[in-house]
Full PDB file with SEQRES, HELIX, SHEET, SSBOND, CRYST1, ORIGX, SCALE, CONECT and MASTER records, all heavy atoms in Angstrom:
SEQRES   1 A   31  PHE THR THR ARG LEU ILE ARG ASP GLN ALA LEU LYS ARG          
SEQRES   2 A   31  SER TRP LYS VAL TRP LEU TYR TYR GLU TYR SER SER GLN          
SEQRES   3 A   31  LEU ARG LEU GLU ARG                                          
HELIX    1 AA1 THR A    2  LYS A   12  1                                  11    
SHEET    1 AA1 2 LYS A  16  LEU A  19  0                                        
SHEET    2 AA1 2 LEU A  27  GLU A  30 -1                                        
CRYST1    1.000    1.000    1.000  90.00  90.00  90.00 P 1           1          
ORIGX1      1.000000  0.000000  0.000000        0.00000                         
ORIGX2      0.000000  1.000000  0.000000        0.00000                         
ORIGX3      0.000000  0.000000  1.000000        0.00000                         
SCALE1      1.000000  0.000000  0.000000        0.00000                         
SCALE2      0.000000  1.000000  0.000000        0.00000                         
SCALE3      0.000000  0.000000  1.000000        0.00000                         
ATOM      1  N   PHE A   1     -12.138  -0.303  10.733  1.00  0.00           N  
ATOM      2  CA  PHE A   1     -10.852   0.136  11.073  1.00  0.00           C  
ATOM      3  C   PHE A   1      -9.787  -0.158   9.974  1.00  0.00           C  
ATOM      4  O   PHE A   1      -9.039   0.719   9.641  1.00  0.00           O  
ATOM      5  CB  PHE A   1     -10.406  -0.408  12.462  1.00  0.00           C  
ATOM      6  CG  PHE A   1      -9.462   0.387  13.218  1.00  0.00           C  
ATOM      7  CD1 PHE A   1      -9.299   0.241  14.586  1.00  0.00           C  
ATOM      8  CD2 PHE A   1      -8.812   1.448  12.616  1.00  0.00           C  
ATOM      9  CE1 PHE A   1      -8.533   0.934  15.325  1.00  0.00           C  
ATOM     10  CE2 PHE A   1      -7.870   2.184  13.370  1.00  0.00           C  
ATOM     11  CZ  PHE A   1      -7.777   1.977  14.829  1.00  0.00           C  
ATOM     12  N   THR A   2      -9.649  -1.426   9.512  1.00  0.00           N  
ATOM     13  CA  THR A   2      -8.694  -1.813   8.511  1.00  0.00           C  
ATOM     14  C   THR A   2      -8.934  -1.076   7.272  1.00  0.00           C  
ATOM     15  O   THR A   2      -8.034  -0.603   6.685  1.00  0.00           O  
ATOM     16  CB  THR A   2      -8.656  -3.358   8.281  1.00  0.00           C  
ATOM     17  OG1 THR A   2      -8.265  -4.036   9.497  1.00  0.00           O  
ATOM     18  CG2 THR A   2      -7.791  -3.633   7.175  1.00  0.00           C  
ATOM     19  N   THR A   3     -10.212  -0.947   6.819  1.00  0.00           N  
ATOM     20  CA  THR A   3     -10.503  -0.183   5.561  1.00  0.00           C  
ATOM     21  C   THR A   3     -10.094   1.314   5.745  1.00  0.00           C  
ATOM     22  O   THR A   3      -9.530   1.857   4.775  1.00  0.00           O  
ATOM     23  CB  THR A   3     -11.989  -0.323   5.218  1.00  0.00           C  
ATOM     24  OG1 THR A   3     -12.270  -1.745   5.150  1.00  0.00           O  
ATOM     25  CG2 THR A   3     -12.307   0.402   3.993  1.00  0.00           C  
ATOM     26  N   ARG A   4     -10.344   1.788   6.825  1.00  0.00           N  
ATOM     27  CA  ARG A   4      -9.946   3.186   7.140  1.00  0.00           C  
ATOM     28  C   ARG A   4      -8.416   3.460   6.938  1.00  0.00           C  
ATOM     29  O   ARG A   4      -7.980   4.402   6.368  1.00  0.00           O  
ATOM     30  CB  ARG A   4     -10.424   3.652   8.550  1.00  0.00           C  
ATOM     31  CG  ARG A   4     -10.182   5.089   8.926  1.00  0.00           C  
ATOM     32  CD  ARG A   4     -10.308   5.332  10.296  1.00  0.00           C  
ATOM     33  NE  ARG A   4     -11.482   4.561  10.871  1.00  0.00           N  
ATOM     34  CZ  ARG A   4     -11.632   4.354  12.220  1.00  0.00           C  
ATOM     35  NH1 ARG A   4     -10.678   4.793  13.092  1.00  0.00           N  
ATOM     36  NH2 ARG A   4     -12.690   3.687  12.696  1.00  0.00           N  
ATOM     37  N   LEU A   5      -7.634   2.482   7.651  1.00  0.00           N  
ATOM     38  CA  LEU A   5      -6.196   2.642   7.654  1.00  0.00           C  
ATOM     39  C   LEU A   5      -5.645   2.458   6.181  1.00  0.00           C  
ATOM     40  O   LEU A   5      -4.712   3.112   5.773  1.00  0.00           O  
ATOM     41  CB  LEU A   5      -5.635   1.542   8.543  1.00  0.00           C  
ATOM     42  CG  LEU A   5      -5.879   1.819   9.989  1.00  0.00           C  
ATOM     43  CD1 LEU A   5      -5.261   0.749  10.781  1.00  0.00           C  
ATOM     44  CD2 LEU A   5      -5.363   3.072  10.540  1.00  0.00           C  
ATOM     45  N   ILE A   6      -6.334   1.529   5.409  1.00  0.00           N  
ATOM     46  CA  ILE A   6      -5.817   1.424   4.016  1.00  0.00           C  
ATOM     47  C   ILE A   6      -6.199   2.632   3.240  1.00  0.00           C  
ATOM     48  O   ILE A   6      -5.326   3.196   2.467  1.00  0.00           O  
ATOM     49  CB  ILE A   6      -6.643   0.175   3.342  1.00  0.00           C  
ATOM     50  CG1 ILE A   6      -6.179  -1.113   4.003  1.00  0.00           C  
ATOM     51  CG2 ILE A   6      -6.447   0.147   1.853  1.00  0.00           C  
ATOM     52  CD1 ILE A   6      -6.945  -2.294   3.693  1.00  0.00           C  
ATOM     53  N   ARG A   7      -7.377   3.178   3.413  1.00  0.00           N  
ATOM     54  CA  ARG A   7      -7.734   4.538   2.749  1.00  0.00           C  
ATOM     55  C   ARG A   7      -6.719   5.621   3.106  1.00  0.00           C  
ATOM     56  O   ARG A   7      -6.258   6.274   2.258  1.00  0.00           O  
ATOM     57  CB  ARG A   7      -9.091   4.881   3.234  1.00  0.00           C  
ATOM     58  CG  ARG A   7      -9.869   6.115   2.557  1.00  0.00           C  
ATOM     59  CD  ARG A   7      -9.621   7.408   3.211  1.00  0.00           C  
ATOM     60  NE  ARG A   7      -9.880   7.525   4.575  1.00  0.00           N  
ATOM     61  CZ  ARG A   7     -10.806   8.021   5.130  1.00  0.00           C  
ATOM     62  NH1 ARG A   7     -11.916   8.416   4.528  1.00  0.00           N  
ATOM     63  NH2 ARG A   7     -10.995   8.049   6.395  1.00  0.00           N  
ATOM     64  N   ASP A   8      -6.417   5.788   4.371  1.00  0.00           N  
ATOM     65  CA  ASP A   8      -5.564   6.749   4.744  1.00  0.00           C  
ATOM     66  C   ASP A   8      -4.110   6.632   4.280  1.00  0.00           C  
ATOM     67  O   ASP A   8      -3.454   7.679   3.742  1.00  0.00           O  
ATOM     68  CB  ASP A   8      -5.522   6.893   6.382  1.00  0.00           C  
ATOM     69  CG  ASP A   8      -6.758   7.208   6.924  1.00  0.00           C  
ATOM     70  OD1 ASP A   8      -7.585   7.694   6.136  1.00  0.00           O  
ATOM     71  OD2 ASP A   8      -6.956   7.065   8.114  1.00  0.00           O  
ATOM     72  N   GLN A   9      -3.581   5.319   4.317  1.00  0.00           N  
ATOM     73  CA  GLN A   9      -2.273   5.107   3.701  1.00  0.00           C  
ATOM     74  C   GLN A   9      -2.223   5.306   2.249  1.00  0.00           C  
ATOM     75  O   GLN A   9      -1.298   5.818   1.756  1.00  0.00           O  
ATOM     76  CB  GLN A   9      -1.946   3.685   4.096  1.00  0.00           C  
ATOM     77  CG  GLN A   9      -0.610   3.192   3.567  1.00  0.00           C  
ATOM     78  CD  GLN A   9       0.663   4.015   4.166  1.00  0.00           C  
ATOM     79  OE1 GLN A   9       1.607   4.311   3.454  1.00  0.00           O  
ATOM     80  NE2 GLN A   9       0.664   4.329   5.477  1.00  0.00           N  
ATOM     81  N   ALA A  10      -3.276   4.951   1.544  1.00  0.00           N  
ATOM     82  CA  ALA A  10      -3.318   5.183   0.099  1.00  0.00           C  
ATOM     83  C   ALA A  10      -3.228   6.589  -0.269  1.00  0.00           C  
ATOM     84  O   ALA A  10      -2.621   7.095  -1.197  1.00  0.00           O  
ATOM     85  CB  ALA A  10      -4.581   4.470  -0.516  1.00  0.00           C  
ATOM     86  N   LEU A  11      -4.097   7.496   0.479  1.00  0.00           N  
ATOM     87  CA  LEU A  11      -4.092   8.896   0.340  1.00  0.00           C  
ATOM     88  C   LEU A  11      -2.815   9.512   0.474  1.00  0.00           C  
ATOM     89  O   LEU A  11      -2.340  10.440  -0.216  1.00  0.00           O  
ATOM     90  CB  LEU A  11      -5.243   9.488   1.106  1.00  0.00           C  
ATOM     91  CG  LEU A  11      -6.706   9.088   0.713  1.00  0.00           C  
ATOM     92  CD1 LEU A  11      -7.671   9.788   1.678  1.00  0.00           C  
ATOM     93  CD2 LEU A  11      -7.010   9.573  -0.682  1.00  0.00           C  
ATOM     94  N   LYS A  12      -2.134   9.009   1.483  1.00  0.00           N  
ATOM     95  CA  LYS A  12      -0.768   9.601   1.895  1.00  0.00           C  
ATOM     96  C   LYS A  12       0.196   9.371   0.652  1.00  0.00           C  
ATOM     97  O   LYS A  12       1.185  10.161   0.510  1.00  0.00           O  
ATOM     98  CB  LYS A  12      -0.222   8.969   3.132  1.00  0.00           C  
ATOM     99  CG  LYS A  12      -0.745   9.430   4.437  1.00  0.00           C  
ATOM    100  CD  LYS A  12      -0.155   8.776   5.667  1.00  0.00           C  
ATOM    101  CE  LYS A  12      -0.763   9.205   6.898  1.00  0.00           C  
ATOM    102  NZ  LYS A  12      -0.250   8.507   8.128  1.00  0.00           N  
ATOM    103  N   ARG A  13      -0.009   8.231  -0.069  1.00  0.00           N  
ATOM    104  CA  ARG A  13       0.781   7.949  -1.136  1.00  0.00           C  
ATOM    105  C   ARG A  13       0.324   8.587  -2.524  1.00  0.00           C  
ATOM    106  O   ARG A  13       0.701   8.325  -3.591  1.00  0.00           O  
ATOM    107  CB  ARG A  13       0.877   6.408  -1.471  1.00  0.00           C  
ATOM    108  CG  ARG A  13       1.483   5.777  -0.200  1.00  0.00           C  
ATOM    109  CD  ARG A  13       1.590   4.153  -0.378  1.00  0.00           C  
ATOM    110  NE  ARG A  13       2.168   3.522   0.745  1.00  0.00           N  
ATOM    111  CZ  ARG A  13       2.863   2.425   0.689  1.00  0.00           C  
ATOM    112  NH1 ARG A  13       3.295   1.887  -0.359  1.00  0.00           N  
ATOM    113  NH2 ARG A  13       3.306   1.942   1.871  1.00  0.00           N  
ATOM    114  N   SER A  14      -0.637   9.527  -2.487  1.00  0.00           N  
ATOM    115  CA  SER A  14      -1.233  10.222  -3.494  1.00  0.00           C  
ATOM    116  C   SER A  14      -2.003   9.286  -4.427  1.00  0.00           C  
ATOM    117  O   SER A  14      -2.096   9.512  -5.654  1.00  0.00           O  
ATOM    118  CB  SER A  14      -0.189  10.917  -4.236  1.00  0.00           C  
ATOM    119  OG  SER A  14       0.532  11.948  -3.534  1.00  0.00           O  
ATOM    120  N   TRP A  15      -2.621   8.184  -3.883  1.00  0.00           N  
ATOM    121  CA  TRP A  15      -3.364   7.385  -4.665  1.00  0.00           C  
ATOM    122  C   TRP A  15      -4.856   7.847  -4.590  1.00  0.00           C  
ATOM    123  O   TRP A  15      -5.162   8.627  -3.598  1.00  0.00           O  
ATOM    124  CB  TRP A  15      -3.420   5.966  -4.074  1.00  0.00           C  
ATOM    125  CG  TRP A  15      -2.152   5.311  -4.224  1.00  0.00           C  
ATOM    126  CD1 TRP A  15      -0.953   5.789  -4.348  1.00  0.00           C  
ATOM    127  CD2 TRP A  15      -1.985   3.772  -4.127  1.00  0.00           C  
ATOM    128  NE1 TRP A  15       0.025   4.639  -4.450  1.00  0.00           N  
ATOM    129  CE2 TRP A  15      -0.644   3.525  -4.237  1.00  0.00           C  
ATOM    130  CE3 TRP A  15      -2.864   2.662  -3.801  1.00  0.00           C  
ATOM    131  CZ2 TRP A  15      -0.107   2.162  -4.241  1.00  0.00           C  
ATOM    132  CZ3 TRP A  15      -2.311   1.463  -3.798  1.00  0.00           C  
ATOM    133  CH2 TRP A  15      -1.049   1.199  -3.975  1.00  0.00           C  
ATOM    134  N   LYS A  16      -5.614   7.595  -5.524  1.00  0.00           N  
ATOM    135  CA  LYS A  16      -7.070   7.953  -5.495  1.00  0.00           C  
ATOM    136  C   LYS A  16      -7.858   6.630  -4.947  1.00  0.00           C  
ATOM    137  O   LYS A  16      -7.478   5.626  -5.158  1.00  0.00           O  
ATOM    138  CB  LYS A  16      -7.620   8.224  -6.876  1.00  0.00           C  
ATOM    139  CG  LYS A  16      -6.978   9.421  -7.496  1.00  0.00           C  
ATOM    140  CD  LYS A  16      -7.490   9.777  -8.836  1.00  0.00           C  
ATOM    141  CE  LYS A  16      -6.793  10.977  -9.532  1.00  0.00           C  
ATOM    142  NZ  LYS A  16      -7.229  11.162 -11.000  1.00  0.00           N  
ATOM    143  N   VAL A  17      -8.806   7.052  -4.099  1.00  0.00           N  
ATOM    144  CA  VAL A  17      -9.488   5.863  -3.529  1.00  0.00           C  
ATOM    145  C   VAL A  17     -11.068   6.154  -3.575  1.00  0.00           C  
ATOM    146  O   VAL A  17     -11.512   7.208  -3.213  1.00  0.00           O  
ATOM    147  CB  VAL A  17      -9.181   5.805  -1.935  1.00  0.00           C  
ATOM    148  CG1 VAL A  17      -9.885   4.493  -1.396  1.00  0.00           C  
ATOM    149  CG2 VAL A  17      -7.710   5.821  -1.700  1.00  0.00           C  
ATOM    150  N   TRP A  18     -11.779   5.172  -4.104  1.00  0.00           N  
ATOM    151  CA  TRP A  18     -13.207   5.198  -4.253  1.00  0.00           C  
ATOM    152  C   TRP A  18     -13.895   4.090  -3.449  1.00  0.00           C  
ATOM    153  O   TRP A  18     -13.282   3.018  -3.223  1.00  0.00           O  
ATOM    154  CB  TRP A  18     -13.700   5.108  -5.682  1.00  0.00           C  
ATOM    155  CG  TRP A  18     -13.249   6.210  -6.467  1.00  0.00           C  
ATOM    156  CD1 TRP A  18     -13.921   7.482  -6.734  1.00  0.00           C  
ATOM    157  CD2 TRP A  18     -12.180   6.279  -7.453  1.00  0.00           C  
ATOM    158  NE1 TRP A  18     -13.294   8.256  -7.615  1.00  0.00           N  
ATOM    159  CE2 TRP A  18     -12.143   7.669  -8.032  1.00  0.00           C  
ATOM    160  CE3 TRP A  18     -11.024   5.435  -7.674  1.00  0.00           C  
ATOM    161  CZ2 TRP A  18     -11.180   7.950  -8.955  1.00  0.00           C  
ATOM    162  CZ3 TRP A  18     -10.147   5.743  -8.654  1.00  0.00           C  
ATOM    163  CH2 TRP A  18     -10.169   7.018  -9.194  1.00  0.00           C  
ATOM    164  N   LEU A  19     -15.092   4.496  -2.838  1.00  0.00           N  
ATOM    165  CA  LEU A  19     -15.891   3.452  -2.036  1.00  0.00           C  
ATOM    166  C   LEU A  19     -17.163   3.279  -2.965  1.00  0.00           C  
ATOM    167  O   LEU A  19     -17.716   4.170  -3.411  1.00  0.00           O  
ATOM    168  CB  LEU A  19     -16.154   4.043  -0.769  1.00  0.00           C  
ATOM    169  CG  LEU A  19     -16.567   3.177   0.364  1.00  0.00           C  
ATOM    170  CD1 LEU A  19     -15.411   2.274   0.776  1.00  0.00           C  
ATOM    171  CD2 LEU A  19     -16.989   3.950   1.549  1.00  0.00           C  
ATOM    172  N   TYR A  20     -17.652   2.052  -2.815  1.00  0.00           N  
ATOM    173  CA  TYR A  20     -18.878   1.721  -3.571  1.00  0.00           C  
ATOM    174  C   TYR A  20     -20.083   2.318  -2.909  1.00  0.00           C  
ATOM    175  O   TYR A  20     -21.079   2.833  -3.535  1.00  0.00           O  
ATOM    176  CB  TYR A  20     -18.949   0.230  -3.960  1.00  0.00           C  
ATOM    177  CG  TYR A  20     -18.157  -0.213  -4.997  1.00  0.00           C  
ATOM    178  CD1 TYR A  20     -16.744  -0.447  -4.845  1.00  0.00           C  
ATOM    179  CD2 TYR A  20     -18.628  -0.197  -6.283  1.00  0.00           C  
ATOM    180  CE1 TYR A  20     -15.975  -0.790  -5.959  1.00  0.00           C  
ATOM    181  CE2 TYR A  20     -17.822  -0.715  -7.337  1.00  0.00           C  
ATOM    182  CZ  TYR A  20     -16.482  -0.958  -7.154  1.00  0.00           C  
ATOM    183  OH  TYR A  20     -15.644  -1.307  -8.189  1.00  0.00           O  
ATOM    184  N   TYR A  21     -20.023   2.274  -1.594  1.00  0.00           N  
ATOM    185  CA  TYR A  21     -21.135   2.813  -0.709  1.00  0.00           C  
ATOM    186  C   TYR A  21     -20.609   2.899   0.606  1.00  0.00           C  
ATOM    187  O   TYR A  21     -19.603   2.308   1.112  1.00  0.00           O  
ATOM    188  CB  TYR A  21     -22.450   1.923  -0.727  1.00  0.00           C  
ATOM    189  CG  TYR A  21     -22.198   0.558  -0.425  1.00  0.00           C  
ATOM    190  CD1 TYR A  21     -22.332   0.069   1.009  1.00  0.00           C  
ATOM    191  CD2 TYR A  21     -21.947  -0.483  -1.299  1.00  0.00           C  
ATOM    192  CE1 TYR A  21     -22.231  -1.249   1.382  1.00  0.00           C  
ATOM    193  CE2 TYR A  21     -21.779  -1.821  -0.957  1.00  0.00           C  
ATOM    194  CZ  TYR A  21     -21.977  -2.139   0.342  1.00  0.00           C  
ATOM    195  OH  TYR A  21     -21.738  -3.333   0.690  1.00  0.00           O  
ATOM    196  N   GLU A  22     -21.148   3.767   1.555  1.00  0.00           N  
ATOM    197  CA  GLU A  22     -20.749   3.944   2.884  1.00  0.00           C  
ATOM    198  C   GLU A  22     -20.925   2.607   3.622  1.00  0.00           C  
ATOM    199  O   GLU A  22     -21.760   1.854   3.515  1.00  0.00           O  
ATOM    200  CB  GLU A  22     -21.599   4.972   3.535  1.00  0.00           C  
ATOM    201  CG  GLU A  22     -21.201   6.450   2.975  1.00  0.00           C  
ATOM    202  CD  GLU A  22     -21.878   7.593   3.804  1.00  0.00           C  
ATOM    203  OE1 GLU A  22     -22.431   7.173   4.934  1.00  0.00           O  
ATOM    204  OE2 GLU A  22     -21.906   8.634   3.363  1.00  0.00           O  
ATOM    205  N   TYR A  23     -19.891   2.420   4.504  1.00  0.00           N  
ATOM    206  CA  TYR A  23     -19.713   1.229   5.384  1.00  0.00           C  
ATOM    207  C   TYR A  23     -19.246   0.029   4.610  1.00  0.00           C  
ATOM    208  O   TYR A  23     -18.963  -0.953   5.251  1.00  0.00           O  
ATOM    209  CB  TYR A  23     -21.065   0.968   6.064  1.00  0.00           C  
ATOM    210  CG  TYR A  23     -21.619   2.052   6.887  1.00  0.00           C  
ATOM    211  CD1 TYR A  23     -22.625   2.790   6.462  1.00  0.00           C  
ATOM    212  CD2 TYR A  23     -20.996   2.370   8.138  1.00  0.00           C  
ATOM    213  CE1 TYR A  23     -23.173   3.858   7.332  1.00  0.00           C  
ATOM    214  CE2 TYR A  23     -21.575   3.470   8.853  1.00  0.00           C  
ATOM    215  CZ  TYR A  23     -22.621   4.117   8.324  1.00  0.00           C  
ATOM    216  OH  TYR A  23     -23.094   5.133   9.135  1.00  0.00           O  
ATOM    217  N   SER A  24     -18.967   0.175   3.356  1.00  0.00           N  
ATOM    218  CA  SER A  24     -18.462  -0.943   2.630  1.00  0.00           C  
ATOM    219  C   SER A  24     -17.012  -1.011   2.723  1.00  0.00           C  
ATOM    220  O   SER A  24     -16.216   0.014   3.092  1.00  0.00           O  
ATOM    221  CB  SER A  24     -18.789  -0.833   1.040  1.00  0.00           C  
ATOM    222  OG  SER A  24     -18.054  -1.667   0.211  1.00  0.00           O  
ATOM    223  N   SER A  25     -16.420  -2.203   2.593  1.00  0.00           N  
ATOM    224  CA  SER A  25     -14.934  -2.446   2.589  1.00  0.00           C  
ATOM    225  C   SER A  25     -14.484  -2.807   1.382  1.00  0.00           C  
ATOM    226  O   SER A  25     -13.189  -3.126   1.030  1.00  0.00           O  
ATOM    227  CB  SER A  25     -14.624  -3.545   3.523  1.00  0.00           C  
ATOM    228  OG  SER A  25     -14.915  -3.162   5.012  1.00  0.00           O  
ATOM    229  N   GLN A  26     -15.184  -2.574   0.232  1.00  0.00           N  
ATOM    230  CA  GLN A  26     -14.809  -2.725  -1.086  1.00  0.00           C  
ATOM    231  C   GLN A  26     -14.216  -1.539  -1.719  1.00  0.00           C  
ATOM    232  O   GLN A  26     -14.991  -0.487  -1.790  1.00  0.00           O  
ATOM    233  CB  GLN A  26     -15.959  -3.278  -2.001  1.00  0.00           C  
ATOM    234  CG  GLN A  26     -15.623  -3.617  -3.440  1.00  0.00           C  
ATOM    235  CD  GLN A  26     -14.792  -4.995  -3.616  1.00  0.00           C  
ATOM    236  OE1 GLN A  26     -15.153  -5.968  -2.887  1.00  0.00           O  
ATOM    237  NE2 GLN A  26     -13.760  -4.880  -4.431  1.00  0.00           N  
ATOM    238  N   LEU A  27     -13.024  -1.385  -2.047  1.00  0.00           N  
ATOM    239  CA  LEU A  27     -12.320  -0.167  -2.421  1.00  0.00           C  
ATOM    240  C   LEU A  27     -11.864  -0.355  -3.924  1.00  0.00           C  
ATOM    241  O   LEU A  27     -11.377  -1.431  -4.206  1.00  0.00           O  
ATOM    242  CB  LEU A  27     -11.215   0.183  -1.539  1.00  0.00           C  
ATOM    243  CG  LEU A  27     -11.539   0.419  -0.004  1.00  0.00           C  
ATOM    244  CD1 LEU A  27     -10.184   0.616   0.756  1.00  0.00           C  
ATOM    245  CD2 LEU A  27     -12.436   1.666   0.190  1.00  0.00           C  
ATOM    246  N   ARG A  28     -11.853   0.753  -4.499  1.00  0.00           N  
ATOM    247  CA  ARG A  28     -11.133   0.971  -5.898  1.00  0.00           C  
ATOM    248  C   ARG A  28      -9.947   1.838  -5.698  1.00  0.00           C  
ATOM    249  O   ARG A  28     -10.206   2.999  -5.209  1.00  0.00           O  
ATOM    250  CB  ARG A  28     -12.106   1.461  -6.950  1.00  0.00           C  
ATOM    251  CG  ARG A  28     -11.214   1.518  -8.307  1.00  0.00           C  
ATOM    252  CD  ARG A  28     -12.242   2.093  -9.365  1.00  0.00           C  
ATOM    253  NE  ARG A  28     -13.014   1.143  -9.799  1.00  0.00           N  
ATOM    254  CZ  ARG A  28     -14.093   1.156 -10.740  1.00  0.00           C  
ATOM    255  NH1 ARG A  28     -14.236   2.421 -11.312  1.00  0.00           N  
ATOM    256  NH2 ARG A  28     -14.887   0.176 -10.990  1.00  0.00           N  
ATOM    257  N   LEU A  29      -8.742   1.358  -5.817  1.00  0.00           N  
ATOM    258  CA  LEU A  29      -7.584   2.163  -5.670  1.00  0.00           C  
ATOM    259  C   LEU A  29      -7.040   2.524  -7.053  1.00  0.00           C  
ATOM    260  O   LEU A  29      -7.048   1.606  -7.990  1.00  0.00           O  
ATOM    261  CB  LEU A  29      -6.644   1.441  -4.833  1.00  0.00           C  
ATOM    262  CG  LEU A  29      -7.097   0.840  -3.433  1.00  0.00           C  
ATOM    263  CD1 LEU A  29      -5.983   0.056  -2.855  1.00  0.00           C  
ATOM    264  CD2 LEU A  29      -7.431   1.939  -2.585  1.00  0.00           C  
ATOM    265  N   GLU A  30      -6.484   3.718  -7.176  1.00  0.00           N  
ATOM    266  CA  GLU A  30      -5.742   4.006  -8.410  1.00  0.00           C  
ATOM    267  C   GLU A  30      -4.357   4.670  -8.003  1.00  0.00           C  
ATOM    268  O   GLU A  30      -4.323   5.712  -7.360  1.00  0.00           O  
ATOM    269  CB  GLU A  30      -6.558   5.122  -9.220  1.00  0.00           C  
ATOM    270  CG  GLU A  30      -5.844   5.398 -10.562  1.00  0.00           C  
ATOM    271  CD  GLU A  30      -6.707   6.295 -11.443  1.00  0.00           C  
ATOM    272  OE1 GLU A  30      -7.958   6.077 -11.589  1.00  0.00           O  
ATOM    273  OE2 GLU A  30      -6.135   7.328 -11.883  1.00  0.00           O  
ATOM    274  N   ARG A  31      -3.358   3.898  -8.451  1.00  0.00           N  
ATOM    275  CA  ARG A  31      -2.026   4.441  -8.175  1.00  0.00           C  
ATOM    276  C   ARG A  31      -1.734   5.597  -9.113  1.00  0.00           C  
ATOM    277  O   ARG A  31      -2.374   5.932 -10.045  1.00  0.00           O  
ATOM    278  CB  ARG A  31      -1.052   3.300  -8.414  1.00  0.00           C  
ATOM    279  CG  ARG A  31      -1.249   2.132  -7.639  1.00  0.00           C  
ATOM    280  CD  ARG A  31      -0.136   1.165  -7.647  1.00  0.00           C  
ATOM    281  NE  ARG A  31       0.328   0.839  -8.977  1.00  0.00           N  
ATOM    282  CZ  ARG A  31       0.626  -0.296  -9.524  1.00  0.00           C  
ATOM    283  NH1 ARG A  31       0.374  -1.397  -8.763  1.00  0.00           N  
ATOM    284  NH2 ARG A  31       1.107  -0.431 -10.752  1.00  0.00           N  
TER     285      ARG A  31                                                      
MASTER        0    0    0    1    2    0    0    6  284    1    0    3          
END                                                                             
């Protein structure tokens, strides 16, 4: 849930978001 909300908020800010693998909480964000 927290990872999902971070992903969604980052996308709203036009950030790029990558995941290393499904179900992981390790994210790479690019502003």
